[in-house]
PDB file of N, CA and C in Angstrom:
ATOM      1  N   MET A   1      14.484 157.224  61.780  1.00  0.00           N
ATOM      2  CA  MET A   1      13.888 156.467  60.690  1.00  0.00           C
ATOM      3  C   MET A   1      12.712 155.630  61.210  1.00  0.00           C
ATOM      4  N   THR A   2      12.982 154.823  62.228  1.00  0.00           N
ATOM      5  CA  THR A   2      11.902 153.998  62.778  1.00  0.00           C
ATOM      6  C   THR A   2      11.895 154.147  64.298  1.00  0.00           C
ATOM      7  N   LYS A   3      11.505 155.322  64.734  1.00  0.00           N
ATOM      8  CA  LYS A   3      11.494 155.593  66.180  1.00  0.00           C
ATOM      9  C   LYS A   3      10.115 155.307  66.766  1.00  0.00           C
ATOM     10  N   THR A   4       9.144 155.077  65.889  1.00  0.00           N
ATOM     11  CA  THR A   4       7.783 154.833  66.346  1.00  0.00           C
ATOM     12  C   THR A   4       7.620 153.384  66.768  1.00  0.00           C
ATOM     13  N   HIS A   5       8.155 152.474  65.968  1.00  0.00           N
ATOM     14  CA  HIS A   5       8.021 151.045  66.280  1.00  0.00           C
ATOM     15  C   HIS A   5       9.370 150.343  66.140  1.00  0.00           C
ATOM     16  N   PRO A   6      10.287 150.627  67.049  1.00  0.00           N
ATOM     17  CA  PRO A   6      11.603 149.989  66.991  1.00  0.00           C
ATOM     18  C   PRO A   6      11.523 148.503  67.312  1.00  0.00           C
ATOM     19  N   TYR A   7      10.579 148.156  68.181  1.00  0.00           N
ATOM     20  CA  TYR A   7      10.418 146.757  68.571  1.00  0.00           C
ATOM     21  C   TYR A   7      10.006 145.909  67.371  1.00  0.00           C
ATOM     22  N   MET A   8       9.030 146.403  66.638  1.00  0.00           N
ATOM     23  CA  MET A   8       8.559 145.682  65.447  1.00  0.00           C
ATOM     24  C   MET A   8       9.688 145.493  64.455  1.00  0.00           C
ATOM     25  N   LEU A   9      10.454 146.541  64.254  1.00  0.00           N
ATOM     26  CA  LEU A   9      11.560 146.468  63.313  1.00  0.00           C
ATOM     27  C   LEU A   9      12.559 145.402  63.749  1.00  0.00           C
ATOM     28  N   HIS A  10      12.878 145.400  65.030  1.00  0.00           N
ATOM     29  CA  HIS A  10      13.823 144.415  65.549  1.00  0.00           C
ATOM     30  C   HIS A  10      13.314 143.000  65.316  1.00  0.00           C
ATOM     31  N   LEU A  11      12.026 142.816  65.563  1.00  0.00           N
ATOM     32  CA  LEU A  11      11.430 141.492  65.370  1.00  0.00           C
ATOM     33  C   LEU A  11      11.508 141.079  63.916  1.00  0.00           C
ATOM     34  N   PHE A  12      11.253 142.039  63.050  1.00  0.00           N
ATOM     35  CA  PHE A  12      11.279 141.755  61.623  1.00  0.00           C
ATOM     36  C   PHE A  12      12.681 141.338  61.186  1.00  0.00           C
ATOM     37  N   ILE A  13      13.675 142.082  61.640  1.00  0.00           N
ATOM     38  CA  ILE A  13      15.068 141.770  61.292  1.00  0.00           C
ATOM     39  C   ILE A  13      15.437 140.388  61.823  1.00  0.00           C
ATOM     40  N   TYR A  14      14.999 140.120  63.037  1.00  0.00           N
ATOM     41  CA  TYR A  14      15.307 138.834  63.648  1.00  0.00           C
ATOM     42  C   TYR A  14      14.712 137.686  62.834  1.00  0.00           C
ATOM     43  N   TYR A  15      13.472 137.919  62.412  1.00  0.00           N
ATOM     44  CA  TYR A  15      12.774 136.892  61.626  1.00  0.00           C
ATOM     45  C   TYR A  15      13.518 136.619  60.329  1.00  0.00           C
ATOM     46  N   ILE A  16      13.925 137.688  59.660  1.00  0.00           N
ATOM     47  CA  ILE A  16      14.644 137.552  58.390  1.00  0.00           C
ATOM     48  C   ILE A  16      15.957 136.800  58.622  1.00  0.00           C
ATOM     49  N   TYR A  17      16.617 137.145  59.717  1.00  0.00           N
ATOM     50  CA  TYR A  17      17.890 136.507  60.029  1.00  0.00           C
ATOM     51  C   TYR A  17      17.706 134.998  60.200  1.00  0.00           C
ATOM     52  N   ILE A  18      16.702 134.616  60.958  1.00  0.00           N
ATOM     53  CA  ILE A  18      16.415 133.195  61.186  1.00  0.00           C
ATOM     54  C   ILE A  18      16.090 132.510  59.861  1.00  0.00           C
ATOM     55  N   PHE A  19      15.292 133.181  59.046  1.00  0.00           N
ATOM     56  CA  PHE A  19      14.907 132.619  57.763  1.00  0.00           C
ATOM     57  C   PHE A  19      16.135 132.352  56.901  1.00  0.00           C
ATOM     58  N   LEU A  20      17.045 133.310  56.882  1.00  0.00           N
ATOM     59  CA  LEU A  20      18.263 133.160  56.083  1.00  0.00           C
ATOM     60  C   LEU A  20      19.101 131.999  56.600  1.00  0.00           C
ATOM     61  N   VAL A  21      19.198 131.901  57.898  1.00  0.00           N
ATOM     62  CA  VAL A  21      19.985 130.826  58.512  1.00  0.00           C
ATOM     63  C   VAL A  21      19.370 129.470  58.159  1.00  0.00           C
ATOM     64  N   LEU A  22      18.051 129.404  58.190  1.00  0.00           N
ATOM     65  CA  LEU A  22      17.365 128.152  57.885  1.00  0.00           C
ATOM     66  C   LEU A  22      17.526 127.784  56.414  1.00  0.00           C
ATOM     67  N   LYS A  23      17.538 128.799  55.584  1.00  0.00           N
ATOM     68  CA  LYS A  23      17.695 128.561  54.147  1.00  0.00           C
ATOM     69  C   LYS A  23      19.048 127.928  53.857  1.00  0.00           C
ATOM     70  N   VAL A  24      20.040 128.319  54.621  1.00  0.00           N
ATOM     71  CA  VAL A  24      21.388 127.776  54.431  1.00  0.00           C
ATOM     72  C   VAL A  24      21.427 126.370  55.014  1.00  0.00           C
TER      73      VAL A  24
END
């Protein structure tokens, strides 16, 4: 699915995770 830019995807997920945690 995302074998071209796995690093970017990981960063994006991480960012979303932090955002969600901060929202709480």
